[in-house]
Amino acid sequence: MPTSFNESVIEQFRAGGGKAGGPFEGGDLLLLTTTGARSGTERTTPLGYVRHGDSLLVVGSNLGAPNHPHWYRNLLAHPVVRVELGTETFQALAVPAEGARREELFEHAVRAAPGYGDHQARTARPLPVVVLEPAEPDGWEGPLEVRTLADKIMEVHTWLRGQLRQVAAQADAHFAARAAHQGPGEPPAPGLGLQIRQRCLAFCQALRFHHVSEDAHVFPTMARHHPDLAGTFARLTEEHRKVARIQDELVTLLAGVAIADPERFHTELGSMSRELNAHLDFEEETIVPLLAQVPWPPAPPARSAGAGRGHKE
């Protein structure tokens, strides 16, 4: 099967240590890997980027086509993306800019790469400007060393708690700006609606993956070795269901955060915070100590004596 244009650019980029040739030679190029909104399949797209301070900006220009590019629709559904920049690969949170901030950042992008202005002139849709932010919550340092499964679970728990605190802080700032605003137009502070939505969606998806992994793998394995903890595992599994119900309601609420009722929003977020922290506390008291001797990452399975030998008919 012939190699597509994008595939050839990706191959050149990776083979060239983060540099591409052809029409992209000498340009600022990164690889953005998103998760399909419907398929759940990872897709990598080469994109031009613009620096803005310490941030990276990508523009959903689609060469001025009437529809947003697929990668933009993907990151709205799955905001945690993978970025390859030069020889570095890292996770980022993809946050579309809103309102006055979007206008400011788009003007900056056009000054750096005038072609975006031409693309905007071809279409009636405002070209999305996406800021690639650190995926980790503010102040995140993580554990110094992860040697055991207990360490790994505590790392995930710390990350989840940090994300939840940041969502709450951003929501407070958003509602405070709305309350202080008077007169027509947007609040003077940058809109945080999509930023809150993207971070909360990333948090909820990470939490769901964490719980599914525990329910499908960690808990069944431990239950075989600790039958006396059957009641504990049953309680944890039921708490997973309760937290999932709350987070689904919160994601729905966040879809309209720009016009959400602050009291209702804080009630939902407070309820989820209490449930989640109580659940994590209980897990850390009952399950995590039992995993302190389980190495992480797990050792690869031992190969059988005949593994790797060719087989002849």
Protein backbone atom coordinates (compact mmCIF):
# COMPACT_ATOMS: atom_id res chain seq x y z
CA MET A 1 0.00 0.00 0.00
CA PRO A 2 1.45 3.41 -0.94
CA THR A 3 2.58 5.63 1.92
CA SER A 4 0.34 8.67 2.44
CA PHE A 5 1.77 12.19 2.51
CA ASN A 6 1.25 12.48 6.28
CA GLU A 7 2.86 9.09 6.88
CA SER A 8 5.93 10.06 4.86
CA VAL A 9 6.26 13.33 6.81
CA ILE A 10 5.95 11.43 10.11
CA GLU A 11 8.61 8.93 9.01
CA GLN A 12 10.99 11.73 7.96
CA PHE A 13 10.36 13.62 11.19
CA ARG A 14 11.19 10.64 13.39
CA ALA A 15 14.10 9.47 11.28
CA GLY A 16 15.53 13.00 11.19
CA GLY A 17 15.49 13.58 14.93
CA GLY A 18 12.47 15.85 14.87
CA LYS A 19 13.14 17.59 11.57
CA ALA A 20 11.16 17.18 8.35
CA GLY A 21 12.18 17.80 4.78
CA GLY A 22 10.28 18.73 1.66
CA PRO A 23 7.78 21.59 2.05
CA PHE A 24 8.29 21.58 5.84
CA GLU A 25 12.08 21.91 5.75
CA GLY A 26 13.21 24.56 8.19
CA GLY A 27 9.70 25.06 9.56
CA ASP A 28 8.36 24.58 13.07
CA LEU A 29 6.71 21.17 13.02
CA LEU A 30 5.46 18.81 15.71
CA LEU A 31 3.60 15.52 15.72
CA LEU A 32 0.28 15.51 17.57
CA THR A 33 -1.21 12.15 18.55
CA THR A 34 -4.88 12.26 19.47
CA THR A 35 -7.39 9.55 20.39
CA GLY A 36 -10.29 9.12 17.98
CA ALA A 37 -13.51 10.63 19.32
CA ARG A 38 -15.52 7.60 18.15
CA SER A 39 -12.99 4.91 17.31
CA GLY A 40 -10.71 5.31 20.34
CA THR A 41 -7.79 4.71 17.96
CA GLU A 42 -4.64 6.81 18.22
CA ARG A 43 -3.96 9.02 15.21
CA THR A 44 -0.80 11.05 14.60
CA THR A 45 -0.86 14.27 12.59
CA PRO A 46 2.08 16.51 11.61
CA LEU A 47 1.23 20.13 12.42
CA GLY A 48 2.92 23.48 12.31
CA TYR A 49 3.13 25.22 15.65
CA VAL A 50 3.78 28.68 17.06
CA ARG A 51 5.44 29.47 20.37
CA HIS A 52 3.77 31.92 22.73
CA GLY A 53 5.94 32.38 25.80
CA ASP A 54 6.33 28.91 27.29
CA SER A 55 3.26 27.58 25.47
CA LEU A 56 2.85 25.85 22.14
CA LEU A 57 -0.05 26.84 19.88
CA VAL A 58 -1.56 24.79 17.05
CA VAL A 59 -4.25 26.18 14.76
CA GLY A 60 -7.12 24.09 13.39
CA SER A 61 -6.94 25.76 10.00
CA ASN A 62 -7.55 22.69 7.81
CA LEU A 63 -6.19 24.94 5.02
CA GLY A 64 -9.34 27.05 5.27
CA ALA A 65 -11.79 24.19 4.68
CA PRO A 66 -15.35 24.66 6.00
CA ASN A 67 -15.00 21.94 8.66
CA HIS A 68 -12.71 21.58 11.65
CA PRO A 69 -9.92 19.00 11.19
CA HIS A 70 -10.40 15.53 12.68
CA TRP A 71 -7.61 16.02 15.19
CA TYR A 72 -9.46 19.00 16.69
CA ARG A 73 -12.69 17.02 17.14
CA ASN A 74 -10.65 14.21 18.69
CA LEU A 75 -9.03 16.42 21.33
CA LEU A 76 -12.40 17.84 22.36
CA ALA A 77 -13.41 14.27 23.25
CA HIS A 78 -10.01 13.15 24.61
CA PRO A 79 -8.05 16.21 25.77
CA VAL A 80 -4.83 14.45 26.81
CA VAL A 81 -2.61 14.25 23.73
CA ARG A 82 0.93 13.16 22.95
CA VAL A 83 3.34 15.67 21.45
CA GLU A 84 6.59 14.90 19.63
CA LEU A 85 8.74 18.00 19.39
CA GLY A 86 12.28 17.56 18.14
CA THR A 87 13.57 14.48 19.92
CA GLU A 88 11.29 15.02 22.94
CA THR A 89 7.97 13.25 23.52
CA PHE A 90 5.54 14.34 26.23
CA GLN A 91 1.88 14.40 27.20
CA ALA A 92 -0.07 17.65 27.04
CA LEU A 93 -3.54 18.91 27.79
CA ALA A 94 -5.09 20.41 24.66
CA VAL A 95 -7.16 23.50 25.54
CA PRO A 96 -8.87 25.57 22.81
CA ALA A 97 -8.65 29.28 23.56
CA GLU A 98 -11.89 31.23 23.99
CA GLY A 99 -13.17 34.74 23.42
CA ALA A 100 -10.70 37.59 23.67
CA ARG A 101 -7.84 35.19 24.44
CA ARG A 102 -8.49 33.30 21.22
CA GLU A 103 -8.38 36.59 19.26
CA GLU A 104 -5.11 37.59 20.91
CA LEU A 105 -3.47 34.22 20.29
CA PHE A 106 -4.70 34.02 16.69
CA GLU A 107 -3.22 37.45 15.95
CA HIS A 108 0.06 36.25 17.45
CA ALA A 109 -0.08 33.08 15.29
CA VAL A 110 -0.71 35.14 12.13
CA ARG A 111 2.25 37.41 12.88
CA ALA A 112 4.46 34.33 13.19
CA ALA A 113 2.91 32.43 10.25
CA PRO A 114 0.89 34.70 7.92
CA GLY A 115 -0.59 31.71 6.08
CA TYR A 116 -3.09 31.28 8.91
CA GLY A 117 -4.59 34.64 7.97
CA ASP A 118 -5.09 33.40 4.40
CA HIS A 119 -6.75 30.24 5.69
CA GLN A 120 -9.12 32.26 7.90
CA ALA A 121 -10.10 34.39 4.91
CA ARG A 122 -11.27 31.28 3.06
CA THR A 123 -13.80 30.13 5.66
CA ALA A 124 -16.57 31.57 7.82
CA ARG A 125 -15.67 29.39 10.83
CA PRO A 126 -13.27 30.90 13.36
CA LEU A 127 -10.10 28.83 13.19
CA PRO A 128 -9.55 27.14 16.58
CA VAL A 129 -6.37 28.07 18.43
CA VAL A 130 -5.33 25.25 20.74
CA VAL A 131 -2.89 25.74 23.61
CA LEU A 132 -0.86 22.65 24.51
CA GLU A 133 -0.57 22.94 28.30
CA PRO A 134 1.20 20.66 30.78
CA ALA A 135 -1.03 17.65 31.41
CA GLU A 136 0.05 17.55 35.04
CA PRO A 137 -1.76 19.64 37.65
CA ASP A 138 -0.12 22.80 38.98
CA GLY A 139 2.68 22.08 41.43
CA TRP A 140 2.94 18.44 40.35
CA GLU A 141 6.26 16.83 41.15
CA GLY A 142 5.27 13.19 41.47
CA PRO A 143 7.00 10.60 43.62
CA LEU A 144 10.77 10.54 43.54
CA GLU A 145 10.83 6.86 42.63
CA VAL A 146 8.23 4.25 41.71
CA ARG A 147 9.46 0.78 42.63
CA THR A 148 6.31 -1.04 43.69
CA LEU A 149 2.68 -1.29 42.67
CA ALA A 150 1.86 0.58 45.89
CA ASP A 151 4.09 3.46 44.73
CA LYS A 152 2.37 3.47 41.33
CA ILE A 153 -1.13 3.60 42.81
CA MET A 154 -0.09 6.41 45.16
CA GLU A 155 1.32 8.30 42.15
CA VAL A 156 -2.03 7.99 40.37
CA HIS A 157 -3.94 9.01 43.51
CA THR A 158 -1.74 12.09 43.98
CA TRP A 159 -2.23 13.05 40.31
CA LEU A 160 -6.02 12.67 40.60
CA ARG A 161 -6.19 14.77 43.75
CA GLY A 162 -4.07 17.48 42.14
CA GLN A 163 -6.24 17.56 39.04
CA LEU A 164 -9.40 17.84 41.12
CA ARG A 165 -7.95 20.75 43.11
CA GLN A 166 -6.98 22.54 39.90
CA VAL A 167 -10.45 22.07 38.39
CA ALA A 168 -11.94 23.56 41.55
CA ALA A 169 -9.52 26.52 41.50
CA GLN A 170 -10.21 27.25 37.83
CA ALA A 171 -13.95 27.01 38.40
CA ASP A 172 -13.72 29.48 41.29
CA ALA A 173 -11.76 31.91 39.10
CA HIS A 174 -14.29 31.51 36.28
CA PHE A 175 -17.31 32.19 38.47
CA ALA A 176 -15.58 35.07 40.28
CA ALA A 177 -14.85 36.77 36.94
CA ARG A 178 -18.46 36.30 35.87
CA ALA A 179 -19.76 37.75 39.12
CA ALA A 180 -17.47 40.78 38.93
CA HIS A 181 -18.27 41.58 35.30
CA GLN A 182 -20.62 44.45 34.58
CA GLY A 183 -21.95 45.77 31.32
CA PRO A 184 -22.00 44.18 27.85
CA GLY A 185 -19.36 41.92 26.39
CA GLU A 186 -17.27 39.19 27.93
CA PRO A 187 -15.88 39.17 31.48
CA PRO A 188 -12.51 40.99 31.65
CA ALA A 189 -10.71 37.82 32.77
CA PRO A 190 -9.98 35.16 30.12
CA GLY A 191 -12.84 32.68 29.79
CA LEU A 192 -12.04 29.42 31.56
CA GLY A 193 -14.99 27.38 30.35
CA LEU A 194 -13.15 25.14 27.90
CA GLN A 195 -10.07 25.02 30.10
CA ILE A 196 -12.13 23.67 33.01
CA ARG A 197 -13.97 21.29 30.71
CA GLN A 198 -10.78 19.88 29.17
CA ARG A 199 -9.01 19.38 32.50
CA CYS A 200 -12.05 17.86 34.16
CA LEU A 201 -12.63 15.57 31.19
CA ALA A 202 -8.99 14.46 31.35
CA PHE A 203 -9.37 13.86 35.07
CA CYS A 204 -12.58 11.85 34.64
CA GLN A 205 -11.13 9.72 31.85
CA ALA A 206 -7.99 8.99 33.87
CA LEU A 207 -10.09 8.11 36.91
CA ARG A 208 -12.28 5.77 34.85
CA PHE A 209 -9.22 4.03 33.36
CA HIS A 210 -7.71 3.68 36.84
CA HIS A 211 -10.89 2.11 38.24
CA VAL A 212 -11.37 -0.23 35.28
CA SER A 213 -7.77 -1.42 35.66
CA GLU A 214 -8.32 -2.09 39.36
CA ASP A 215 -11.66 -3.86 38.85
CA ALA A 216 -10.43 -5.99 35.94
CA HIS A 217 -6.89 -6.82 37.06
CA VAL A 218 -5.65 -5.65 40.47
CA PHE A 219 -8.64 -6.58 42.65
CA PRO A 220 -9.33 -10.07 41.18
CA THR A 221 -5.65 -11.00 41.53
CA MET A 222 -5.49 -9.78 45.13
CA ALA A 223 -8.81 -11.44 46.04
CA ARG A 224 -7.33 -14.84 45.21
CA HIS A 225 -4.53 -14.27 47.71
CA HIS A 226 -6.60 -12.42 50.33
CA PRO A 227 -10.07 -14.05 50.52
CA ASP A 228 -10.52 -12.39 53.91
CA LEU A 229 -10.76 -9.03 52.11
CA ALA A 230 -13.76 -9.99 49.94
CA GLY A 231 -15.91 -7.39 51.69
CA THR A 232 -13.29 -4.69 51.13
CA PHE A 233 -13.06 -5.39 47.40
CA ALA A 234 -16.86 -5.41 47.11
CA ARG A 235 -17.02 -2.00 48.82
CA LEU A 236 -14.32 -0.55 46.58
CA THR A 237 -16.06 -1.82 43.44
CA GLU A 238 -19.37 -0.31 44.57
CA GLU A 239 -17.62 3.00 45.30
CA HIS A 240 -16.21 2.94 41.76
CA ARG A 241 -19.77 2.79 40.44
CA LYS A 242 -20.89 5.68 42.67
CA VAL A 243 -17.95 7.88 41.68
CA ALA A 244 -18.56 7.05 37.98
CA ARG A 245 -22.17 8.22 38.26
CA ILE A 246 -21.09 11.50 39.86
CA GLN A 247 -18.34 12.20 37.35
CA ASP A 248 -20.70 11.55 34.41
CA GLU A 249 -23.08 14.15 35.85
CA LEU A 250 -20.18 16.56 36.30
CA VAL A 251 -18.99 16.16 32.69
CA THR A 252 -22.54 16.89 31.53
CA LEU A 253 -22.63 19.97 33.75
CA LEU A 254 -19.29 21.18 32.37
CA ALA A 255 -20.59 21.10 28.80
CA GLY A 256 -22.39 24.33 29.70
CA VAL A 257 -19.98 25.71 32.31
CA ALA A 258 -20.01 29.16 30.67
CA ILE A 259 -23.66 29.55 31.74
CA ALA A 260 -23.69 27.04 34.62
CA ASP A 261 -25.26 27.93 37.93
CA PRO A 262 -22.34 28.43 40.34
CA GLU A 263 -24.18 27.01 43.36
CA ARG A 264 -25.20 23.84 41.54
CA PHE A 265 -21.73 23.44 40.04
CA HIS A 266 -20.02 23.76 43.42
CA THR A 267 -22.50 21.33 44.96
CA GLU A 268 -21.73 18.71 42.30
CA LEU A 269 -17.98 19.28 42.48
CA GLY A 270 -18.00 19.24 46.29
CA SER A 271 -19.97 15.99 46.31
CA MET A 272 -17.55 14.37 43.90
CA SER A 273 -14.52 15.63 45.83
CA ARG A 274 -15.79 14.19 49.11
CA GLU A 275 -16.71 10.84 47.53
CA LEU A 276 -13.44 10.55 45.65
CA ASN A 277 -11.17 11.51 48.54
CA ALA A 278 -13.01 9.15 50.91
CA HIS A 279 -12.63 6.37 48.36
CA LEU A 280 -8.92 7.04 47.84
CA ASP A 281 -8.36 7.24 51.60
CA PHE A 282 -10.07 3.88 52.12
CA GLU A 283 -8.08 2.26 49.30
CA GLU A 284 -4.83 3.62 50.70
CA GLU A 285 -5.64 2.26 54.17
CA THR A 286 -6.77 -1.21 53.10
CA ILE A 287 -5.23 -2.12 49.72
CA VAL A 288 -2.07 -0.11 49.13
CA PRO A 289 -0.12 -1.61 52.10
CA LEU A 290 -0.62 -5.08 50.60
CA LEU A 291 1.08 -3.98 47.37
CA ALA A 292 4.28 -2.65 48.92
CA GLN A 293 6.21 -5.80 47.96
CA VAL A 294 4.87 -6.09 44.40
CA PRO A 295 7.54 -4.74 41.99
CA TRP A 296 6.66 -2.08 39.43
CA PRO A 297 6.82 -2.22 36.51
CA PRO A 298 5.96 -5.91 36.48
CA ALA A 299 8.61 -8.29 35.24
CA PRO A 300 8.06 -9.57 31.68
CA PRO A 301 6.73 -13.13 31.49
CA ALA A 302 9.42 -15.79 31.40
CA ARG A 303 10.02 -17.28 27.98
CA SER A 304 9.53 -20.97 27.55
CA ALA A 305 12.45 -23.15 26.49
CA GLY A 306 11.12 -23.43 22.95
CA ALA A 307 10.22 -19.78 22.52
CA GLY A 308 11.71 -18.07 19.50
CA ARG A 309 12.54 -21.30 17.66
CA GLY A 310 11.39 -21.60 14.10
CA HIS A 311 8.83 -24.23 13.23
CA LYS A 312 9.12 -26.27 10.08
CA GLU A 313 6.34 -28.26 8.48
